Amino acid sequence: MDAILDFFSQSGFYLLGSDPKVLIMMAIACVLMYLAIKKGFEPLLLLPIAFGMLLTNLPGAGMYHAEFFVGGHVDWAQFAAGNTGLIDILYLGVKLGIYPCLIFIGVGAMTDFGPLIANPKSLLLGAAAQLGIFITFIGMRYLGFLPEEAAAVGIIGGADGPTAIYVASRLAPALLGPIAVAAYSYMALVPVIQPPIMRALTTKKEREIEMKQLRPVKKIEKIIFPIIVTAFVALLVPSAAALIGCLMFGNLMRECGVVERLSKTVQNELMNIVTVLLGISVGATATAENFLNVKTLAILAMGIVAFGVGSAGGVLLAKFMNLFVKEKINPLIGSAGVSAVPMAARVSNVEGQKAKPGNFLLMHAMGPNVAGVIGSAIAAGVFMALFGAK
């Protein structure tokens, strides 16, 4: 009987009584899995994140120890002593900035920068859409967050999950779980969040503007572009070199035509493997202690503000540019300046066709869309330079 009682006292069912908040976290994890599976909300990352959240909140499993990563440092002594769980080891890929950079290589290999090269003005729209990042940063500071925490939350406004994770792991590791959940949840809701903003800020006449077909982009331009961007951005903002370098390296593999096997590998096998490891590791940081607090509510609230302001920034700049340019820009493509590639561009195209059937804006919107990826990486580099991440 004593042996049975001793076994039961070590079981997770018994330990649930000592911290009932884990039941709330397990319920949240199940809700996120439902949204990923049933509703299709960014399932490739939301499902692993949700399952990682479930694993880390199972009492007694010991798969992740937040105390090993307190203060932005790694307690290597615990790793040397073998006291770590599975997710402690997997989380090193996040903590050391490995997974987000590998994701960026895959994103670069899947991205066509041709529309941006053909229409360089779209770079301005991508930059304007980063307004959400800096407005959110100011808002979070006003709410009492530390500068590095506010910066990590602000990156949600770039609609770029890997960048948000990268910055949070460097500047605010304790907020990584809520930031990742907010970033990917709102990215999945881009088709819901953006259209009302786009329609509110534009007239029907503006939404009906047709744009001339983009010029063909030469292969040599596509090869030179990632090299020049890497050198320029790394010299301008050295802290962004890792993200921009990986993004452009992936794109160079795509465009050069001599490493097709490598390009396909990073687009498929590498992306799939890293996505699984990244999702589970990030989800595991969402412990009851880190997630169930007022800060999480503030992150979720300001996250949607960040998306909204970013979308509005691109639209408003396009309207402003129309005051000076001869060939008018359809303001709808401005909202694609957030980094949700290619979802935001598709939303712009759909809204354009609703206003005027046959008005295809997809390729025009891809310019600001891919510019937004570059813009969010630069914004991340600026924050890391300002707040001490090396």
Protein backbone atom coordinates (compact mmCIF):
# COMPACT_ATOMS: atom_id res chain seq x y z
CA MET A 1 0.00 0.00 0.00
CA ASP A 2 2.84 2.40 0.83
CA ALA A 3 4.40 1.73 -2.56
CA ILE A 4 1.10 2.49 -4.31
CA LEU A 5 0.66 5.72 -2.36
CA ASP A 6 4.26 6.73 -3.10
CA PHE A 7 3.72 6.06 -6.81
CA PHE A 8 0.50 8.09 -6.83
CA SER A 9 2.15 11.01 -4.98
CA GLN A 10 4.69 11.26 -7.82
CA SER A 11 2.12 11.10 -10.60
CA GLY A 12 0.96 14.11 -12.57
CA PHE A 13 -2.61 13.64 -11.37
CA TYR A 14 -1.52 14.20 -7.78
CA LEU A 15 0.68 17.17 -8.72
CA LEU A 16 -2.24 18.90 -10.43
CA GLY A 17 -3.56 19.80 -7.01
CA SER A 18 -0.43 21.78 -6.14
CA ASP A 19 -0.73 24.05 -9.19
CA PRO A 20 -4.25 24.08 -10.68
CA LYS A 21 -3.25 26.91 -13.07
CA VAL A 22 -1.66 24.32 -15.33
CA LEU A 23 -5.20 23.10 -16.08
CA ILE A 24 -5.96 26.52 -17.56
CA MET A 25 -2.81 26.34 -19.69
CA MET A 26 -3.68 22.86 -20.89
CA ALA A 27 -7.13 24.13 -21.85
CA ILE A 28 -5.59 27.05 -23.76
CA ALA A 29 -3.29 24.61 -25.55
CA CYS A 30 -6.31 22.53 -26.59
CA VAL A 31 -8.11 25.66 -27.87
CA LEU A 32 -5.07 26.60 -29.97
CA MET A 33 -4.90 23.07 -31.37
CA TYR A 34 -8.59 23.32 -32.25
CA LEU A 35 -7.99 26.63 -34.07
CA ALA A 36 -5.05 25.13 -35.96
CA ILE A 37 -6.78 21.87 -36.93
CA LYS A 38 -10.40 22.89 -37.37
CA LYS A 39 -10.09 26.54 -38.43
CA GLY A 40 -6.73 26.35 -40.22
CA PHE A 41 -5.16 29.25 -38.28
CA GLU A 42 -1.45 29.07 -39.27
CA PRO A 43 -1.49 25.30 -38.54
CA LEU A 44 2.12 24.66 -39.54
CA LEU A 45 3.36 26.57 -36.51
CA LEU A 46 0.34 27.04 -34.29
CA LEU A 47 -0.14 23.27 -33.91
CA PRO A 48 3.46 22.60 -32.75
CA ILE A 49 3.31 25.67 -30.49
CA ALA A 50 0.07 24.44 -28.90
CA PHE A 51 1.44 20.94 -28.37
CA GLY A 52 4.64 22.33 -26.87
CA MET A 53 2.45 24.37 -24.51
CA LEU A 54 0.64 21.19 -23.51
CA LEU A 55 3.88 19.31 -22.88
CA THR A 56 5.48 21.99 -20.74
CA ASN A 57 2.42 22.27 -18.49
CA LEU A 58 2.11 18.54 -17.75
CA PRO A 59 3.03 18.35 -14.01
CA GLY A 60 6.06 16.22 -13.25
CA ALA A 61 7.09 15.67 -16.89
CA GLY A 62 10.15 17.91 -16.46
CA MET A 63 10.52 18.53 -20.18
CA TYR A 64 11.31 22.24 -19.88
CA HIS A 65 12.90 24.19 -17.02
CA ALA A 66 12.48 27.95 -17.34
CA GLU A 67 14.91 28.48 -14.48
CA PHE A 68 17.76 27.20 -16.68
CA PHE A 69 17.33 30.26 -18.91
CA VAL A 70 16.70 33.05 -16.39
CA GLY A 71 18.12 36.49 -17.13
CA GLY A 72 18.82 35.75 -20.76
CA HIS A 73 21.59 33.28 -19.90
CA VAL A 74 21.89 29.51 -20.17
CA ASP A 75 22.76 27.48 -17.06
CA TRP A 76 25.25 25.23 -18.81
CA ALA A 77 26.07 23.47 -15.54
CA GLN A 78 22.62 21.87 -15.55
CA PHE A 79 23.17 20.68 -19.11
CA ALA A 80 26.57 19.24 -18.18
CA ALA A 81 25.02 17.44 -15.19
CA GLY A 82 22.32 15.87 -17.37
CA ASN A 83 19.46 17.48 -15.45
CA THR A 84 17.72 18.74 -18.58
CA GLY A 85 14.54 17.66 -20.29
CA LEU A 86 13.98 17.12 -23.99
CA ILE A 87 12.61 20.59 -24.67
CA ASP A 88 15.43 22.23 -22.70
CA ILE A 89 17.76 20.87 -25.36
CA LEU A 90 15.49 21.77 -28.27
CA TYR A 91 15.02 25.28 -26.88
CA LEU A 92 18.72 25.99 -27.32
CA GLY A 93 17.96 26.40 -31.03
CA VAL A 94 15.67 29.29 -30.14
CA LYS A 95 17.86 30.73 -27.42
CA LEU A 96 20.94 30.76 -29.63
CA GLY A 97 19.01 32.23 -32.58
CA ILE A 98 19.45 29.17 -34.80
CA TYR A 99 15.87 28.24 -35.73
CA PRO A 100 14.63 31.70 -36.81
CA CYS A 101 17.68 32.18 -39.04
CA LEU A 102 17.18 28.77 -40.67
CA ILE A 103 13.52 29.67 -41.23
CA PHE A 104 14.67 32.86 -42.95
CA ILE A 105 16.86 30.86 -45.33
CA GLY A 106 13.78 28.89 -46.34
CA VAL A 107 11.64 32.01 -46.64
CA GLY A 108 14.26 33.60 -48.87
CA ALA A 109 14.36 30.54 -51.10
CA MET A 110 10.58 30.66 -51.49
CA THR A 111 10.36 34.41 -52.15
CA ASP A 112 10.44 36.16 -55.51
CA PHE A 113 11.84 39.67 -55.13
CA GLY A 114 11.04 40.44 -58.77
CA PRO A 115 8.00 42.66 -58.03
CA LEU A 116 10.07 44.74 -55.60
CA ILE A 117 12.93 45.10 -58.08
CA ALA A 118 10.51 46.06 -60.86
CA ASN A 119 8.83 48.70 -58.70
CA PRO A 120 11.33 50.10 -56.16
CA LYS A 121 8.70 52.57 -54.84
CA SER A 122 7.00 49.61 -53.17
CA LEU A 123 9.95 49.52 -50.76
CA LEU A 124 8.55 52.73 -49.22
CA LEU A 125 5.18 51.05 -48.67
CA GLY A 126 6.88 48.15 -46.93
CA ALA A 127 8.73 50.62 -44.73
CA ALA A 128 5.54 52.53 -43.89
CA ALA A 129 3.86 49.34 -42.75
CA GLN A 130 6.51 49.00 -40.04
CA LEU A 131 4.83 51.97 -38.34
CA GLY A 132 2.88 49.45 -36.29
CA ILE A 133 6.12 48.20 -34.74
CA PHE A 134 7.19 51.58 -33.41
CA ILE A 135 3.71 52.75 -32.35
CA THR A 136 3.31 49.52 -30.39
CA PHE A 137 6.73 50.02 -28.82
CA ILE A 138 5.64 53.45 -27.58
CA GLY A 139 2.33 52.05 -26.35
CA MET A 140 4.00 49.26 -24.41
CA ARG A 141 6.40 51.72 -22.79
CA TYR A 142 3.38 53.80 -21.76
CA LEU A 143 1.89 50.67 -20.17
CA GLY A 144 5.01 50.27 -18.03
CA PHE A 145 6.94 47.62 -19.96
CA LEU A 146 10.73 47.75 -19.97
CA PRO A 147 12.31 49.03 -23.23
CA GLU A 148 13.51 45.57 -24.29
CA GLU A 149 10.10 44.05 -23.53
CA ALA A 150 8.31 46.79 -25.45
CA ALA A 151 10.64 46.25 -28.41
CA ALA A 152 9.99 42.50 -28.44
CA VAL A 153 6.22 43.03 -28.38
CA GLY A 154 6.42 45.75 -31.02
CA ILE A 155 7.90 43.35 -33.58
CA ILE A 156 4.51 41.59 -33.64
CA GLY A 157 3.41 44.53 -35.79
CA GLY A 158 5.72 43.35 -38.55
CA ALA A 159 3.54 40.25 -39.02
CA ASP A 160 6.72 38.18 -39.12
CA GLY A 161 6.65 35.25 -36.70
CA PRO A 162 10.32 34.16 -36.95
CA THR A 163 11.52 37.74 -36.45
CA ALA A 164 9.23 38.19 -33.43
CA ILE A 165 10.59 34.97 -31.94
CA TYR A 166 14.19 35.95 -32.68
CA VAL A 167 13.87 39.35 -31.02
CA ALA A 168 11.90 38.03 -28.04
CA SER A 169 14.47 35.28 -27.40
CA ARG A 170 17.20 37.94 -27.29
CA LEU A 171 15.45 40.80 -25.50
CA ALA A 172 12.57 39.34 -23.47
CA PRO A 173 12.79 35.53 -23.12
CA ALA A 174 10.11 35.46 -20.42
CA LEU A 175 7.59 36.87 -22.90
CA LEU A 176 8.49 34.53 -25.75
CA GLY A 177 5.43 32.29 -25.37
CA PRO A 178 2.77 35.04 -25.37
CA ILE A 179 4.55 36.93 -28.16
CA ALA A 180 4.76 33.85 -30.38
CA VAL A 181 1.12 32.94 -29.80
CA ALA A 182 0.00 36.51 -30.50
CA ALA A 183 2.18 36.86 -33.60
CA TYR A 184 1.02 33.66 -35.28
CA SER A 185 -2.60 33.99 -34.19
CA TYR A 186 -2.89 37.48 -35.67
CA MET A 187 -0.98 36.45 -38.80
CA ALA A 188 -3.68 33.83 -39.36
CA LEU A 189 -6.31 36.55 -38.93
CA VAL A 190 -4.82 38.89 -41.56
CA PRO A 191 -7.79 38.22 -43.93
CA VAL A 192 -10.12 39.26 -41.10
CA ILE A 193 -8.17 42.20 -39.63
CA GLN A 194 -7.03 44.00 -42.76
CA PRO A 195 -10.11 44.39 -45.05
CA PRO A 196 -12.14 46.65 -42.70
CA ILE A 197 -9.10 48.91 -42.25
CA MET A 198 -8.43 49.02 -45.98
CA ARG A 199 -12.03 49.91 -46.82
CA ALA A 200 -12.25 52.52 -44.07
CA LEU A 201 -9.18 54.39 -45.30
CA THR A 202 -9.92 54.34 -49.04
CA THR A 203 -12.68 55.47 -51.36
CA LYS A 204 -14.26 53.17 -53.92
CA LYS A 205 -12.57 55.19 -56.65
CA GLU A 206 -9.17 54.61 -55.05
CA ARG A 207 -9.82 50.89 -54.69
CA GLU A 208 -10.67 50.74 -58.40
CA ILE A 209 -7.30 52.14 -59.54
CA GLU A 210 -5.68 49.86 -62.09
CA MET A 211 -1.90 49.64 -62.19
CA LYS A 212 0.28 49.01 -65.23
CA GLN A 213 1.84 45.59 -65.64
CA LEU A 214 5.27 45.34 -64.03
CA ARG A 215 8.30 45.18 -66.31
CA PRO A 216 10.11 41.85 -66.69
CA VAL A 217 13.05 41.55 -64.31
CA LYS A 218 16.31 40.18 -65.68
CA LYS A 219 18.00 37.23 -64.03
CA ILE A 220 21.15 39.24 -63.35
CA GLU A 221 19.09 41.77 -61.40
CA LYS A 222 17.64 39.01 -59.23
CA ILE A 223 21.12 37.64 -58.55
CA ILE A 224 22.69 40.98 -57.70
CA PHE A 225 19.78 42.16 -55.52
CA PRO A 226 20.31 39.82 -52.50
CA ILE A 227 24.05 40.50 -52.53
CA ILE A 228 23.63 44.28 -52.51
CA VAL A 229 20.86 44.22 -49.89
CA THR A 230 22.90 41.98 -47.57
CA ALA A 231 25.95 44.23 -47.77
CA PHE A 232 24.00 47.49 -47.42
CA VAL A 233 21.75 46.43 -44.53
CA ALA A 234 24.57 44.67 -42.64
CA LEU A 235 26.69 47.81 -42.88
CA LEU A 236 23.78 50.07 -41.92
CA VAL A 237 22.40 47.91 -39.08
CA PRO A 238 24.93 45.21 -38.15
CA SER A 239 22.48 43.68 -35.65
CA ALA A 240 20.19 42.75 -38.55
CA ALA A 241 22.94 40.95 -40.46
CA ALA A 242 21.97 37.46 -39.28
CA LEU A 243 18.32 37.70 -40.35
CA ILE A 244 18.90 39.65 -43.56
CA GLY A 245 21.91 37.53 -44.49
CA CYS A 246 19.98 34.28 -44.11
CA LEU A 247 16.98 35.67 -45.99
CA MET A 248 19.10 36.85 -48.90
CA PHE A 249 21.26 33.73 -48.95
CA GLY A 250 18.13 31.64 -49.41
CA ASN A 251 16.97 33.96 -52.19
CA LEU A 252 20.35 33.83 -53.91
CA MET A 253 20.18 30.03 -53.96
CA ARG A 254 16.76 30.33 -55.59
CA GLU A 255 17.78 32.80 -58.27
CA CYS A 256 21.33 31.77 -59.22
CA GLY A 257 20.16 28.53 -60.82
CA VAL A 258 23.24 26.46 -59.96
CA VAL A 259 22.18 25.00 -56.59
CA GLU A 260 18.63 23.92 -57.37
CA ARG A 261 18.93 20.85 -55.13
CA LEU A 262 19.94 22.99 -52.16
CA SER A 263 17.18 25.49 -52.90
CA LYS A 264 14.53 22.77 -52.92
CA THR A 265 15.96 21.28 -49.73
CA VAL A 266 15.75 24.51 -47.73
CA GLN A 267 12.26 25.21 -49.11
CA ASN A 268 10.94 21.81 -48.08
CA GLU A 269 12.86 19.44 -45.81
CA LEU A 270 14.79 22.07 -43.84
CA MET A 271 11.78 24.35 -43.41
CA ASN A 272 9.57 21.49 -42.26
CA ILE A 273 12.07 20.14 -39.73
CA VAL A 274 12.91 23.54 -38.26
CA THR A 275 9.23 24.51 -38.11
CA VAL A 276 8.48 21.50 -35.91
CA LEU A 277 11.43 22.15 -33.57
CA LEU A 278 10.77 25.88 -33.40
CA GLY A 279 7.06 25.47 -32.68
CA ILE A 280 7.45 22.92 -29.89
CA SER A 281 10.31 24.86 -28.28
CA VAL A 282 8.48 28.19 -28.35
CA GLY A 283 5.25 26.65 -27.08
CA ALA A 284 7.13 25.16 -24.16
CA THR A 285 7.99 28.64 -22.87
CA ALA A 286 4.29 29.30 -22.27
CA THR A 287 4.23 28.07 -18.69
CA ALA A 288 1.42 29.08 -16.34
CA GLU A 289 3.76 31.47 -14.52
CA ASN A 290 4.82 33.25 -17.71
CA PHE A 291 1.48 33.21 -19.52
CA LEU A 292 -1.27 33.79 -16.99
CA ASN A 293 -0.63 37.40 -16.04
CA VAL A 294 -1.55 40.95 -16.95
CA LYS A 295 1.42 41.25 -19.31
CA THR A 296 0.01 38.54 -21.54
CA LEU A 297 -3.31 40.38 -21.85
CA ALA A 298 -1.42 43.57 -22.74
CA ILE A 299 0.60 41.71 -25.38
CA LEU A 300 -2.52 40.23 -26.96
CA ALA A 301 -4.27 43.62 -26.95
CA MET A 302 -1.34 45.59 -28.34
CA GLY A 303 -0.57 42.87 -30.87
CA ILE A 304 -3.77 43.52 -32.75
CA VAL A 305 -3.13 47.27 -32.50
CA ALA A 306 0.28 46.65 -34.06
CA PHE A 307 -1.25 44.77 -37.00
CA GLY A 308 -3.90 47.42 -37.52
CA VAL A 309 -1.51 50.37 -37.42
CA GLY A 310 0.96 48.60 -39.71
CA SER A 311 -1.74 47.91 -42.29
CA ALA A 312 -3.01 51.49 -42.06
CA GLY A 313 0.49 52.94 -42.41
CA GLY A 314 1.04 51.35 -45.81
CA VAL A 315 -2.37 52.41 -47.10
CA LEU A 316 -1.96 56.01 -45.95
CA LEU A 317 1.52 56.33 -47.48
CA ALA A 318 0.19 55.07 -50.82
CA LYS A 319 -2.53 57.74 -50.69
CA PHE A 320 0.09 60.36 -49.89
CA MET A 321 2.33 59.23 -52.73
CA ASN A 322 -0.58 59.58 -55.14
CA LEU A 323 -0.47 63.33 -54.56
CA PHE A 324 2.88 63.48 -56.35
CA VAL A 325 3.19 60.56 -58.77
CA LYS A 326 1.84 60.52 -62.31
CA GLU A 327 0.98 56.82 -62.37
CA LYS A 328 -1.42 56.33 -59.47
CA ILE A 329 -0.90 53.61 -56.90
CA ASN A 330 -3.84 51.56 -55.69
CA PRO A 331 -3.70 52.19 -51.90
CA LEU A 332 -4.86 48.63 -51.25
CA ILE A 333 -1.37 47.32 -51.98
CA GLY A 334 -0.01 49.43 -49.12
CA SER A 335 -1.56 47.12 -46.53
CA ALA A 336 0.54 44.29 -47.97
CA GLY A 337 3.61 45.99 -46.48
CA VAL A 338 3.30 43.78 -43.41
CA SER A 339 5.46 40.66 -43.64
CA ALA A 340 2.74 38.01 -43.88
CA VAL A 341 3.91 36.63 -47.24
CA PRO A 342 1.96 36.02 -49.44
CA MET A 343 -1.25 36.23 -47.39
CA ALA A 344 -1.32 40.04 -47.13
CA ALA A 345 -0.74 40.39 -50.89
CA ARG A 346 -3.64 38.04 -51.56
CA VAL A 347 -5.90 40.09 -49.32
CA SER A 348 -5.01 43.22 -51.31
CA ASN A 349 -5.80 41.40 -54.54
CA VAL A 350 -9.15 40.14 -53.25
CA GLU A 351 -10.22 43.59 -52.09
CA GLY A 352 -9.17 45.08 -55.43
CA GLN A 353 -11.29 42.57 -57.33
CA LYS A 354 -14.25 43.23 -55.06
CA ALA A 355 -14.04 46.91 -55.96
CA LYS A 356 -13.48 46.24 -59.67
CA PRO A 357 -13.66 42.70 -61.07
CA GLY A 358 -10.65 41.93 -63.21
CA ASN A 359 -8.37 44.35 -61.36
CA PHE A 360 -5.45 42.07 -60.51
CA LEU A 361 -3.18 43.57 -57.85
CA LEU A 362 -1.38 40.45 -56.64
CA MET A 363 2.01 41.03 -58.28
CA HIS A 364 1.90 44.74 -57.43
CA ALA A 365 1.12 43.87 -53.79
CA MET A 366 3.99 41.36 -53.64
CA GLY A 367 6.44 44.27 -53.87
CA PRO A 368 5.43 45.87 -50.55
CA ASN A 369 4.88 42.39 -49.10
CA VAL A 370 8.47 41.22 -49.57
CA ALA A 371 9.72 44.71 -48.70
CA GLY A 372 7.94 44.25 -45.38
CA VAL A 373 10.04 41.16 -44.64
CA ILE A 374 13.18 43.24 -45.13
CA GLY A 375 11.71 46.13 -43.14
CA SER A 376 10.78 44.02 -40.12
CA ALA A 377 14.26 42.46 -40.05
CA ILE A 378 15.83 45.94 -40.11
CA ALA A 379 13.49 47.11 -37.33
CA ALA A 380 14.51 44.06 -35.30
CA GLY A 381 18.16 44.94 -35.83
CA VAL A 382 17.56 48.52 -34.70
CA PHE A 383 15.89 47.36 -31.48
CA MET A 384 18.62 44.84 -30.72
CA ALA A 385 21.27 47.49 -31.31
CA LEU A 386 19.48 49.98 -29.05
CA PHE A 387 18.75 47.62 -26.18
CA GLY A 388 21.96 45.69 -25.90
CA ALA A 389 21.43 42.38 -27.72
CA LYS A 390 24.61 41.21 -29.36
